[in-house]
Amino acid sequence: MPTAKHVFNNDTHTVVLSLELPVAEYLPKVEKKLKEYRNKVQLKGFRTGEVPMSFLKAKFGTSILVEEIQGIINDELNTFIETSKLNVVGSPLPNNKYDASIQKPKDIKIDIEIGFVPDFEIEGVSSEFAMPFYSVMIDDETLEKEIDSQRKKLSQDFEEGVSDVQDGDTLRVTLREAEEGTVKPEGLVKEETYINLDKAASALKNQLLNKKIGDKLIVSLADLDSSVTLKKAKKLHFALTARQTCSDDVEIEILEIKRVKKRELNAEFFKELFQYEELEDETAFRNRLRSAIAESFESAVFNIFNRSIFEHLMEQNKNLPIPVAFLRRFVEETQLKGKKIEDDQFNELLKQLIWGTLTQDLCKKYDVNVTQQDVEYEMRMAIVRYYGFQISPFHNLFDEQVKKMTEDKETYRKYYEEVQESKLFAALENEFSKETRTVNSDEFKEVYEQHFAKQQAKDDADADKLEEILDSEEA
């Protein structure tokens, strides 16, 4: 049997496991494996089962020996970790090398360092702490903008005789691929597509205002719809496959200016917006719509509230007992192949580890569980959002795409963590007090952007990743 000793280093939150494997422990297993191999290996010049053992030892002996030794070491490690109930960080790292030779077997001595997080109490989860909670006041200007938007959105009629572009118009245009300020010879052409000024980038919107039918101008394709990436814009307008390319600029020619004729503010219109409610008059309608607008901010309000909880918990638990030196060594040896990690990169990694450790502990405390069905549903919703909610998330068209996303470990982990965090914060919301702050909608949007500027960059990167998966599926 291997002999094992261990020494805990509480200052560094590591433990060194020292193992000694006598030759008599591993060599019989190696010889048995060689015999099994002999009976099934096929080598040119030898019949199966008649390959000389000396030849097998010379050719495969050392690799089989290393495999058997490592198997014994792994078994001892797993047993020690399980028995000691260690919350391991990274993977165990050897402190020394051992000499493994089938020709001259030796007793193996190896010291293995294990980084772990010891038991700890999470600080800061208490109703004594109040997190900012925003109450969004819907002022008259915001209400009037929404009424105007809904009057256009629910209209099926257009004004006649429109000749110049105004705010809110939709333009029917021709797109021609452009390069260096001019139309590209034999470039791609989209004979007819639409530009909604409400979705266009502000720079393009300003260029288009007061333009007339027949006018032409060269613009960035990305500016046609500020809600999509340049890559997706190319795909949408020119139906590019994953392997096709086109220029970033296009010439647009205005073919038609479509201006929605606003709906009348009457009972029929009120009923379309609030199908299951009886609104007596315009005053009741305005009050109900004002309430609906406020409700639409609810998700964003809780996003900020939850973000504040996250930042609070990270600050309260910044001295979590993490094996910092071991973590740096682990990253540099296993991920960076011996190169030094930059301090800012390491600090970001440390934050991720602290939050991951807190999450693991909190999920146990609040019985937060995530199933594969939960993850796949989140994936389906991401795909539905990508396609603009045009198809049910459970349509079988998405089955293959979800399967591919599930098989991609990085993608699966991302969606798993999103679902886990969502469930965890739902449990934590009731543990903190709310410090209510009343703001108008514009003020709230500024606050939200301040909180989630970095998150938006991450969301954009995630959207690009999803687009790659969906593009490769189509290809």
Protein backbone atom coordinates (compact mmCIF):
# COMPACT_ATOMS: atom_id res chain seq x y z
CA MET A 1 0.00 0.00 0.00
CA PRO A 2 1.20 3.57 -0.65
CA THR A 3 2.12 5.51 2.45
CA ALA A 4 0.68 8.99 2.77
CA LYS A 5 1.42 11.91 5.05
CA HIS A 6 0.08 15.43 4.93
CA VAL A 7 0.88 18.83 6.37
CA PHE A 8 -1.65 21.68 6.46
CA ASN A 9 -0.36 25.24 5.96
CA ASN A 10 -3.16 27.34 7.39
CA ASP A 11 -1.44 30.64 6.56
CA THR A 12 -1.47 29.89 2.82
CA HIS A 13 -4.60 27.69 2.82
CA THR A 14 -2.75 24.78 1.27
CA VAL A 15 -1.92 21.24 2.24
CA VAL A 16 1.01 19.15 1.02
CA LEU A 17 0.27 15.46 0.56
CA SER A 18 3.44 13.33 0.55
CA LEU A 19 3.10 9.92 -1.10
CA GLU A 20 5.51 7.01 -1.23
CA LEU A 21 4.84 4.20 -3.70
CA PRO A 22 7.14 1.18 -3.37
CA VAL A 23 7.97 -0.71 -6.54
CA ALA A 24 6.00 -3.67 -5.19
CA GLU A 25 2.87 -1.47 -5.20
CA TYR A 26 2.84 -0.50 -8.86
CA LEU A 27 5.06 -2.91 -10.80
CA PRO A 28 2.67 -5.93 -10.60
CA LYS A 29 -0.08 -3.73 -12.05
CA VAL A 30 2.23 -2.69 -14.88
CA GLU A 31 3.18 -6.28 -15.66
CA LYS A 32 -0.48 -7.32 -15.61
CA LYS A 33 -1.37 -4.50 -18.02
CA LEU A 34 1.51 -5.53 -20.34
CA LYS A 35 0.20 -9.11 -20.42
CA GLU A 36 -3.30 -7.88 -21.24
CA TYR A 37 -1.83 -5.67 -23.94
CA ARG A 38 0.18 -8.56 -25.36
CA ASN A 39 -2.97 -10.61 -25.92
CA LYS A 40 -4.68 -7.98 -28.05
CA VAL A 41 -1.96 -5.82 -29.63
CA GLN A 42 -1.28 -6.35 -33.34
CA LEU A 43 2.26 -5.58 -34.48
CA LYS A 44 3.71 -6.25 -37.89
CA GLY A 45 5.83 -9.42 -37.90
CA PHE A 46 4.21 -10.96 -34.82
CA ARG A 47 1.15 -13.05 -34.25
CA THR A 48 -1.36 -11.78 -31.69
CA GLY A 49 -0.30 -12.92 -28.23
CA GLU A 50 3.25 -13.83 -29.30
CA VAL A 51 4.96 -10.44 -29.17
CA PRO A 52 8.08 -10.81 -26.95
CA MET A 53 7.55 -9.21 -23.55
CA SER A 54 10.95 -7.54 -23.79
CA PHE A 55 9.81 -5.83 -26.99
CA LEU A 56 6.55 -4.68 -25.39
CA LYS A 57 8.40 -3.36 -22.34
CA ALA A 58 10.83 -1.40 -24.50
CA LYS A 59 8.09 0.06 -26.69
CA PHE A 60 5.17 0.59 -24.30
CA GLY A 61 6.45 -0.19 -20.81
CA THR A 62 7.33 3.30 -19.61
CA SER A 63 4.08 4.87 -20.82
CA ILE A 64 2.02 2.11 -19.15
CA LEU A 65 4.12 2.47 -15.98
CA VAL A 66 3.51 6.24 -15.85
CA GLU A 67 -0.19 5.67 -16.45
CA GLU A 68 -0.43 3.16 -13.59
CA ILE A 69 1.58 5.33 -11.19
CA GLN A 70 -0.55 8.36 -12.01
CA GLY A 71 -3.69 6.30 -11.50
CA ILE A 72 -2.55 5.29 -8.00
CA ILE A 73 -1.61 8.92 -7.20
CA ASN A 74 -5.00 10.18 -8.43
CA ASP A 75 -6.84 7.59 -6.35
CA GLU A 76 -4.89 8.61 -3.24
CA LEU A 77 -5.52 12.29 -3.97
CA ASN A 78 -9.25 11.81 -4.48
CA THR A 79 -9.54 9.75 -1.31
CA PHE A 80 -7.65 12.35 0.71
CA ILE A 81 -9.69 15.27 -0.68
CA GLU A 82 -12.98 13.46 -0.10
CA THR A 83 -12.03 12.31 3.41
CA SER A 84 -10.77 15.78 4.36
CA LYS A 85 -13.82 17.43 2.73
CA LEU A 86 -11.64 20.02 1.00
CA ASN A 87 -13.11 22.78 -1.16
CA VAL A 88 -10.30 22.58 -3.71
CA VAL A 89 -9.11 25.53 -5.81
CA GLY A 90 -7.81 24.67 -9.27
CA SER A 91 -6.10 21.29 -9.40
CA PRO A 92 -3.40 19.76 -7.15
CA LEU A 93 0.16 20.56 -8.28
CA PRO A 94 3.26 18.36 -7.82
CA ASN A 95 6.14 19.97 -5.94
CA ASN A 96 8.70 17.57 -7.38
CA LYS A 97 9.17 15.13 -10.24
CA TYR A 98 9.66 11.41 -9.92
CA ASP A 99 11.83 9.09 -11.99
CA ALA A 100 9.69 6.50 -13.79
CA SER A 101 11.55 3.86 -15.79
CA ILE A 102 10.43 0.37 -16.72
CA GLN A 103 14.07 -0.69 -17.02
CA LYS A 104 15.06 0.41 -13.51
CA PRO A 105 11.89 0.70 -11.39
CA LYS A 106 12.31 2.76 -8.25
CA ASP A 107 10.23 3.64 -5.22
CA ILE A 108 8.25 6.77 -6.01
CA LYS A 109 8.24 9.76 -3.68
CA ILE A 110 6.16 12.78 -4.56
CA ASP A 111 4.84 15.84 -2.72
CA ILE A 112 1.59 17.31 -4.03
CA GLU A 113 0.32 20.74 -3.03
CA ILE A 114 -3.44 21.30 -2.83
CA GLY A 115 -5.00 24.75 -2.56
CA PHE A 116 -8.34 24.93 -0.79
CA VAL A 117 -10.84 27.31 0.75
CA PRO A 118 -11.41 26.48 4.42
CA ASP A 119 -14.82 26.74 6.06
CA PHE A 120 -15.94 30.35 6.45
CA GLU A 121 -18.97 32.43 7.34
CA ILE A 122 -20.36 34.72 4.65
CA GLU A 123 -20.49 38.31 5.90
CA GLY A 124 -23.05 40.97 5.06
CA VAL A 125 -26.27 39.04 4.39
CA SER A 126 -28.70 40.90 6.62
CA SER A 127 -31.70 43.20 6.49
CA GLU A 128 -29.54 45.68 8.39
CA PHE A 129 -28.01 46.53 5.03
CA ALA A 130 -30.12 48.64 2.67
CA MET A 131 -29.51 48.48 -1.08
CA PRO A 132 -30.54 51.24 -3.51
CA PHE A 133 -33.96 50.46 -4.94
CA TYR A 134 -35.22 52.80 -7.65
CA SER A 135 -38.80 53.89 -8.06
CA VAL A 136 -39.16 55.17 -11.62
CA MET A 137 -41.54 58.13 -11.87
CA ILE A 138 -43.21 58.35 -15.27
CA ASP A 139 -43.54 62.07 -16.05
CA ASP A 140 -45.94 63.56 -18.58
CA GLU A 141 -43.30 63.86 -21.30
CA THR A 142 -42.42 60.17 -21.08
CA LEU A 143 -46.12 59.25 -21.10
CA GLU A 144 -46.83 61.36 -24.20
CA LYS A 145 -43.87 59.79 -26.05
CA GLU A 146 -45.18 56.32 -25.31
CA ILE A 147 -48.72 57.21 -26.36
CA ASP A 148 -47.35 58.64 -29.60
CA SER A 149 -45.27 55.48 -30.15
CA GLN A 150 -48.24 53.17 -29.57
CA ARG A 151 -50.49 55.23 -31.85
CA LYS A 152 -47.97 54.65 -34.62
CA LYS A 153 -47.20 51.01 -33.76
CA LEU A 154 -50.85 49.91 -33.82
CA SER A 155 -51.69 51.81 -36.97
CA GLN A 156 -52.15 50.14 -40.36
CA ASP A 157 -52.54 53.39 -42.31
CA PHE A 158 -49.94 55.71 -43.83
CA GLU A 159 -50.07 59.38 -44.67
CA GLU A 160 -50.18 60.25 -48.36
CA GLY A 161 -47.99 62.69 -50.28
CA VAL A 162 -44.97 62.47 -47.94
CA SER A 163 -41.89 63.87 -49.70
CA ASP A 164 -39.31 64.71 -47.01
CA VAL A 165 -37.94 62.62 -44.13
CA GLN A 166 -39.05 63.37 -40.59
CA ASP A 167 -38.43 61.79 -37.21
CA GLY A 168 -40.18 58.42 -36.82
CA ASP A 169 -40.46 57.70 -40.55
CA THR A 170 -39.69 54.37 -42.19
CA LEU A 171 -37.78 54.52 -45.47
CA ARG A 172 -37.98 52.04 -48.32
CA VAL A 173 -34.51 52.09 -49.84
CA THR A 174 -32.11 50.38 -52.21
CA LEU A 175 -28.70 49.40 -50.78
CA ARG A 176 -25.57 49.22 -52.93
CA GLU A 177 -22.25 48.04 -51.58
CA ALA A 178 -19.79 50.96 -51.37
CA GLU A 179 -16.06 51.30 -50.88
CA GLU A 180 -13.88 54.38 -50.34
CA GLY A 181 -16.83 56.75 -50.74
CA THR A 182 -18.25 55.37 -53.98
CA VAL A 183 -20.45 52.52 -55.15
CA LYS A 184 -18.40 49.36 -55.64
CA PRO A 185 -18.45 48.07 -59.25
CA GLU A 186 -20.24 44.72 -59.38
CA GLY A 187 -20.82 45.00 -55.64
CA LEU A 188 -23.74 43.55 -53.74
CA VAL A 189 -27.15 45.17 -54.23
CA LYS A 190 -30.31 44.91 -52.15
CA GLU A 191 -33.05 46.25 -54.36
CA GLU A 192 -35.48 46.87 -51.53
CA THR A 193 -35.21 47.00 -47.75
CA TYR A 194 -36.39 49.26 -44.96
CA ILE A 195 -34.77 51.70 -42.52
CA ASN A 196 -36.68 52.68 -39.38
CA LEU A 197 -35.42 56.08 -38.22
CA ASP A 198 -36.24 55.20 -34.61
CA LYS A 199 -33.68 52.38 -34.79
CA ALA A 200 -31.04 54.14 -36.89
CA ALA A 201 -27.86 55.44 -35.26
CA SER A 202 -28.18 59.12 -34.30
CA ALA A 203 -25.48 60.20 -36.80
CA LEU A 204 -27.37 58.58 -39.70
CA LYS A 205 -30.70 59.83 -38.42
CA ASN A 206 -29.43 63.43 -38.52
CA GLN A 207 -28.15 62.89 -42.07
CA LEU A 208 -31.50 61.58 -43.26
CA LEU A 209 -33.76 64.23 -41.73
CA ASN A 210 -35.30 66.43 -44.46
CA LYS A 211 -33.91 64.24 -47.27
CA LYS A 212 -36.29 63.58 -50.15
CA ILE A 213 -37.32 60.69 -52.38
CA GLY A 214 -34.52 59.96 -54.86
CA ASP A 215 -31.72 61.28 -52.63
CA LYS A 216 -28.62 59.10 -52.26
CA LEU A 217 -25.91 59.02 -49.59
CA ILE A 218 -23.13 56.67 -48.50
CA VAL A 219 -23.30 55.50 -44.90
CA SER A 220 -22.02 52.79 -42.61
CA LEU A 221 -24.08 49.62 -42.84
CA ALA A 222 -23.88 49.31 -39.04
CA ASP A 223 -25.76 52.62 -38.64
CA LEU A 224 -28.94 51.35 -40.32
CA ASP A 225 -29.98 49.67 -37.06
CA SER A 226 -28.06 50.54 -33.89
CA SER A 227 -29.43 47.46 -32.10
CA VAL A 228 -27.50 44.94 -34.23
CA THR A 229 -23.81 44.33 -34.86
CA LEU A 230 -22.15 45.10 -38.19
CA LYS A 231 -21.79 41.37 -38.86
CA LYS A 232 -25.48 40.77 -38.28
CA ALA A 233 -26.44 43.83 -40.35
CA LYS A 234 -24.54 42.40 -43.32
CA LYS A 235 -26.30 39.10 -42.89
CA LEU A 236 -29.75 40.67 -42.52
CA HIS A 237 -29.57 43.01 -45.49
CA PHE A 238 -27.54 40.93 -47.95
CA ALA A 239 -28.44 37.40 -46.74
CA LEU A 240 -24.76 36.51 -46.43
CA THR A 241 -23.74 33.01 -45.50
CA ALA A 242 -21.11 32.43 -42.82
CA ARG A 243 -18.37 32.40 -45.46
CA GLN A 244 -19.39 35.45 -47.54
CA THR A 245 -18.15 39.00 -46.94
CA CYS A 246 -19.02 42.52 -48.04
CA SER A 247 -17.87 46.08 -47.41
CA ASP A 248 -18.79 48.00 -44.26
CA ASP A 249 -20.35 50.89 -46.22
CA VAL A 250 -23.37 51.13 -48.52
CA GLU A 251 -25.05 53.71 -50.69
CA ILE A 252 -28.70 54.15 -49.82
CA GLU A 253 -31.22 55.50 -52.32
CA ILE A 254 -34.54 56.64 -50.89
CA LEU A 255 -37.39 55.04 -52.86
CA GLU A 256 -40.30 55.86 -50.57
CA ILE A 257 -40.99 57.62 -47.29
CA LYS A 258 -43.61 55.87 -45.18
CA ARG A 259 -45.14 57.87 -42.36
CA VAL A 260 -47.61 56.15 -40.11
CA LYS A 261 -50.96 57.82 -39.66
CA LYS A 262 -51.50 57.87 -35.91
CA ARG A 263 -54.43 56.01 -34.40
CA GLU A 264 -57.25 57.98 -32.84
CA LEU A 265 -57.37 58.03 -29.03
CA ASN A 266 -60.64 56.14 -28.68
CA ALA A 267 -62.14 53.12 -26.91
CA GLU A 268 -61.12 50.76 -29.72
CA PHE A 269 -57.47 51.82 -29.39
CA PHE A 270 -57.55 51.52 -25.58
CA LYS A 271 -58.96 48.00 -25.90
CA GLU A 272 -56.19 46.88 -28.25
CA LEU A 273 -53.54 47.94 -25.76
CA PHE A 274 -55.31 46.57 -22.68
CA GLN A 275 -57.39 43.71 -24.02
CA TYR A 276 -58.70 42.38 -20.70
CA GLU A 277 -59.42 45.70 -19.00
CA GLU A 278 -62.35 48.08 -19.19
CA LEU A 279 -61.05 51.65 -19.38
CA GLU A 280 -63.82 54.18 -19.09
CA ASP A 281 -62.18 57.16 -20.78
CA GLU A 282 -58.92 58.73 -21.89
CA THR A 283 -57.98 59.68 -18.33
CA ALA A 284 -58.28 56.06 -17.20
CA PHE A 285 -56.27 54.97 -20.24
CA ARG A 286 -53.46 57.42 -19.49
CA ASN A 287 -53.29 56.32 -15.86
CA ARG A 288 -53.16 52.66 -16.86
CA LEU A 289 -50.47 53.24 -19.48
CA ARG A 290 -48.41 55.27 -17.01
CA SER A 291 -48.57 52.29 -14.65
CA ALA A 292 -47.62 49.87 -17.45
CA ILE A 293 -44.56 51.96 -18.36
CA ALA A 294 -43.45 51.92 -14.72
CA GLU A 295 -43.89 48.13 -14.65
CA SER A 296 -41.67 47.80 -17.74
CA PHE A 297 -38.74 49.18 -15.69
CA GLU A 298 -39.19 46.55 -12.98
CA SER A 299 -36.67 44.08 -14.40
CA ALA A 300 -34.00 46.79 -14.75
CA VAL A 301 -34.75 48.07 -11.24
CA PHE A 302 -34.08 44.61 -9.80
CA ASN A 303 -30.96 44.26 -11.96
CA ILE A 304 -29.50 47.31 -10.21
CA PHE A 305 -30.72 46.11 -6.82
CA ASN A 306 -29.07 42.72 -7.40
CA ARG A 307 -25.91 44.36 -8.70
CA SER A 308 -25.74 46.37 -5.48
CA ILE A 309 -26.10 43.15 -3.48
CA PHE A 310 -23.26 41.62 -5.47
CA GLU A 311 -20.94 44.61 -4.92
CA HIS A 312 -21.87 44.69 -1.22
CA LEU A 313 -21.12 40.98 -0.74
CA MET A 314 -17.83 41.26 -2.62
CA GLU A 315 -16.75 44.15 -0.38
CA GLN A 316 -17.88 42.44 2.83
CA ASN A 317 -16.07 39.21 1.90
CA LYS A 318 -12.96 40.59 0.20
CA ASN A 319 -10.77 38.87 2.80
CA LEU A 320 -12.17 35.45 2.08
CA PRO A 321 -9.56 32.76 2.91
CA ILE A 322 -8.38 32.12 -0.65
CA PRO A 323 -5.04 30.36 -1.39
CA VAL A 324 -3.80 33.38 -3.37
CA ALA A 325 -0.18 32.28 -3.94
CA PHE A 326 -1.30 28.79 -4.95
CA LEU A 327 -3.89 30.20 -7.36
CA ARG A 328 -1.24 32.34 -9.06
CA ARG A 329 1.06 29.32 -9.35
CA PHE A 330 -1.77 27.16 -10.70
CA VAL A 331 -2.67 29.67 -13.42
CA GLU A 332 0.93 30.29 -14.47
CA GLU A 333 1.87 26.59 -14.60
CA THR A 334 -1.28 25.13 -16.14
CA GLN A 335 -2.87 27.94 -18.15
CA LEU A 336 0.06 30.17 -19.14
CA LYS A 337 2.69 27.43 -19.58
CA GLY A 338 5.13 29.05 -17.16
CA LYS A 339 4.56 32.71 -18.13
CA LYS A 340 3.81 35.34 -15.48
CA ILE A 341 0.24 36.59 -15.17
CA GLU A 342 -0.34 40.35 -15.15
CA ASP A 343 -1.57 41.75 -11.84
CA ASP A 344 -4.80 43.21 -13.28
CA GLN A 345 -5.62 39.88 -14.93
CA PHE A 346 -4.89 38.01 -11.73
CA ASN A 347 -6.99 40.41 -9.64
CA GLU A 348 -9.92 39.89 -12.00
CA LEU A 349 -9.46 36.13 -11.73
CA LEU A 350 -9.33 36.43 -7.95
CA LYS A 351 -12.63 38.33 -7.94
CA GLN A 352 -14.21 35.62 -10.07
CA LEU A 353 -12.97 32.95 -7.65
CA ILE A 354 -14.28 34.85 -4.62
CA TRP A 355 -17.69 35.30 -6.21
CA GLY A 356 -17.74 31.67 -7.37
CA THR A 357 -16.93 30.53 -3.83
CA LEU A 358 -19.62 32.78 -2.35
CA THR A 359 -22.10 31.56 -4.95
CA GLN A 360 -21.36 27.92 -4.17
CA ASP A 361 -21.91 28.49 -0.45
CA LEU A 362 -25.02 30.65 -0.88
CA CYS A 363 -26.61 28.19 -3.30
CA LYS A 364 -26.25 25.46 -0.67
CA LYS A 365 -27.69 27.72 2.02
CA TYR A 366 -30.73 28.74 -0.05
CA ASP A 367 -31.17 25.38 -1.78
CA VAL A 368 -30.63 26.81 -5.28
CA ASN A 369 -30.57 24.05 -7.90
CA VAL A 370 -30.14 24.30 -11.68
CA THR A 371 -31.29 21.54 -14.02
CA GLN A 372 -30.29 20.94 -17.62
CA GLN A 373 -33.87 21.78 -18.55
CA ASP A 374 -33.40 25.22 -16.93
CA VAL A 375 -30.23 25.79 -18.95
CA GLU A 376 -31.74 24.65 -22.23
CA TYR A 377 -34.74 26.94 -21.71
CA GLU A 378 -32.39 29.91 -21.20
CA MET A 379 -30.58 28.93 -24.41
CA ARG A 380 -33.86 28.78 -26.31
CA MET A 381 -34.84 32.23 -25.03
CA ALA A 382 -31.46 33.60 -26.17
CA ILE A 383 -32.07 32.21 -29.66
CA VAL A 384 -35.62 33.61 -29.70
CA ARG A 385 -34.29 37.06 -28.74
CA TYR A 386 -31.69 36.77 -31.50
CA TYR A 387 -34.47 36.16 -34.07
CA GLY A 388 -36.65 38.94 -32.66
CA PHE A 389 -39.25 36.76 -30.86
CA GLN A 390 -40.71 35.62 -34.18
CA ILE A 391 -40.86 31.91 -33.30
CA SER A 392 -41.84 29.95 -30.19
CA PRO A 393 -38.79 29.00 -28.05
CA PHE A 394 -39.97 25.37 -28.14
CA HIS A 395 -40.13 25.10 -31.94
CA ASN A 396 -38.24 22.05 -33.18
CA LEU A 397 -36.26 24.34 -35.50
CA PHE A 398 -34.14 25.20 -32.45
CA ASP A 399 -33.49 21.63 -31.30
CA GLU A 400 -30.24 21.17 -33.20
CA GLN A 401 -28.96 24.62 -32.23
CA VAL A 402 -29.66 23.99 -28.55
CA LYS A 403 -27.94 20.59 -28.81
CA LYS A 404 -24.86 22.24 -30.28
CA MET A 405 -24.82 24.95 -27.59
CA THR A 406 -25.18 22.31 -24.88
CA GLU A 407 -22.21 20.35 -26.25
CA ASP A 408 -20.00 23.46 -26.20
CA LYS A 409 -18.67 23.38 -22.61
CA GLU A 410 -17.91 27.10 -22.44
CA THR A 411 -21.35 28.05 -23.75
CA TYR A 412 -23.13 25.61 -21.45
CA ARG A 413 -21.20 26.91 -18.44
CA LYS A 414 -22.12 30.52 -19.31
CA TYR A 415 -25.85 29.80 -19.47
CA TYR A 416 -25.68 27.57 -16.39
CA GLU A 417 -24.12 30.40 -14.38
CA GLU A 418 -26.69 32.90 -15.67
CA VAL A 419 -29.57 30.69 -14.52
CA GLN A 420 -27.85 29.98 -11.21
CA GLU A 421 -27.26 33.68 -10.50
CA SER A 422 -30.83 34.55 -11.43
CA LYS A 423 -32.19 31.97 -8.99
CA LEU A 424 -29.72 32.96 -6.29
CA PHE A 425 -30.54 36.67 -6.45
CA ALA A 426 -34.25 35.84 -6.36
CA ALA A 427 -33.53 34.15 -3.02
CA LEU A 428 -31.31 36.97 -1.76
CA GLU A 429 -33.69 39.82 -2.62
CA ASN A 430 -35.69 39.25 0.55
CA GLU A 431 -32.60 39.28 2.78
CA PHE A 432 -31.83 42.99 2.32
CA SER A 433 -33.64 46.22 3.05
CA LYS A 434 -34.51 48.61 0.23
CA GLU A 435 -33.39 52.22 0.18
CA THR A 436 -35.97 53.68 -2.20
CA ARG A 437 -34.81 56.43 -4.55
CA THR A 438 -37.36 58.12 -6.81
CA VAL A 439 -36.10 59.18 -10.26
CA ASN A 440 -37.61 59.93 -13.65
CA SER A 441 -37.10 57.57 -16.59
CA ASP A 442 -34.17 59.51 -18.11
CA GLU A 443 -32.35 59.65 -14.77
CA PHE A 444 -32.91 55.94 -14.29
CA LYS A 445 -31.49 55.13 -17.74
CA GLU A 446 -28.33 57.07 -16.84
CA VAL A 447 -28.00 55.15 -13.57
CA TYR A 448 -28.52 51.87 -15.38
CA GLU A 449 -25.86 52.63 -17.98
CA GLN A 450 -23.39 53.52 -15.20
CA HIS A 451 -24.02 50.20 -13.48
CA PHE A 452 -23.94 48.05 -16.57
CA ALA A 453 -21.49 49.63 -19.02
CA LYS A 454 -19.09 46.71 -18.58
CA GLN A 455 -21.95 44.24 -18.60
CA GLN A 456 -23.11 45.60 -21.97
CA ALA A 457 -19.67 44.90 -23.44
CA LYS A 458 -19.89 41.35 -22.09
CA ASP A 459 -23.42 40.96 -23.48
CA ASP A 460 -22.17 42.10 -26.89
CA ALA A 461 -19.37 39.53 -26.76
CA ASP A 462 -21.89 36.84 -25.77
CA ALA A 463 -24.12 37.89 -28.66
CA ASP A 464 -21.18 37.52 -31.05
CA LYS A 465 -20.51 34.05 -29.64
CA LEU A 466 -24.15 33.05 -30.12
CA GLU A 467 -24.07 34.44 -33.64
CA GLU A 468 -21.02 32.31 -34.44
CA ILE A 469 -22.81 29.18 -33.23
CA LEU A 470 -25.96 29.94 -35.21
CA ASP A 471 -23.95 30.88 -38.31
CA SER A 472 -21.91 27.69 -38.18
CA GLU A 473 -25.15 25.72 -37.83
CA GLU A 474 -26.55 27.36 -40.95
CA ALA A 475 -23.29 26.81 -42.82
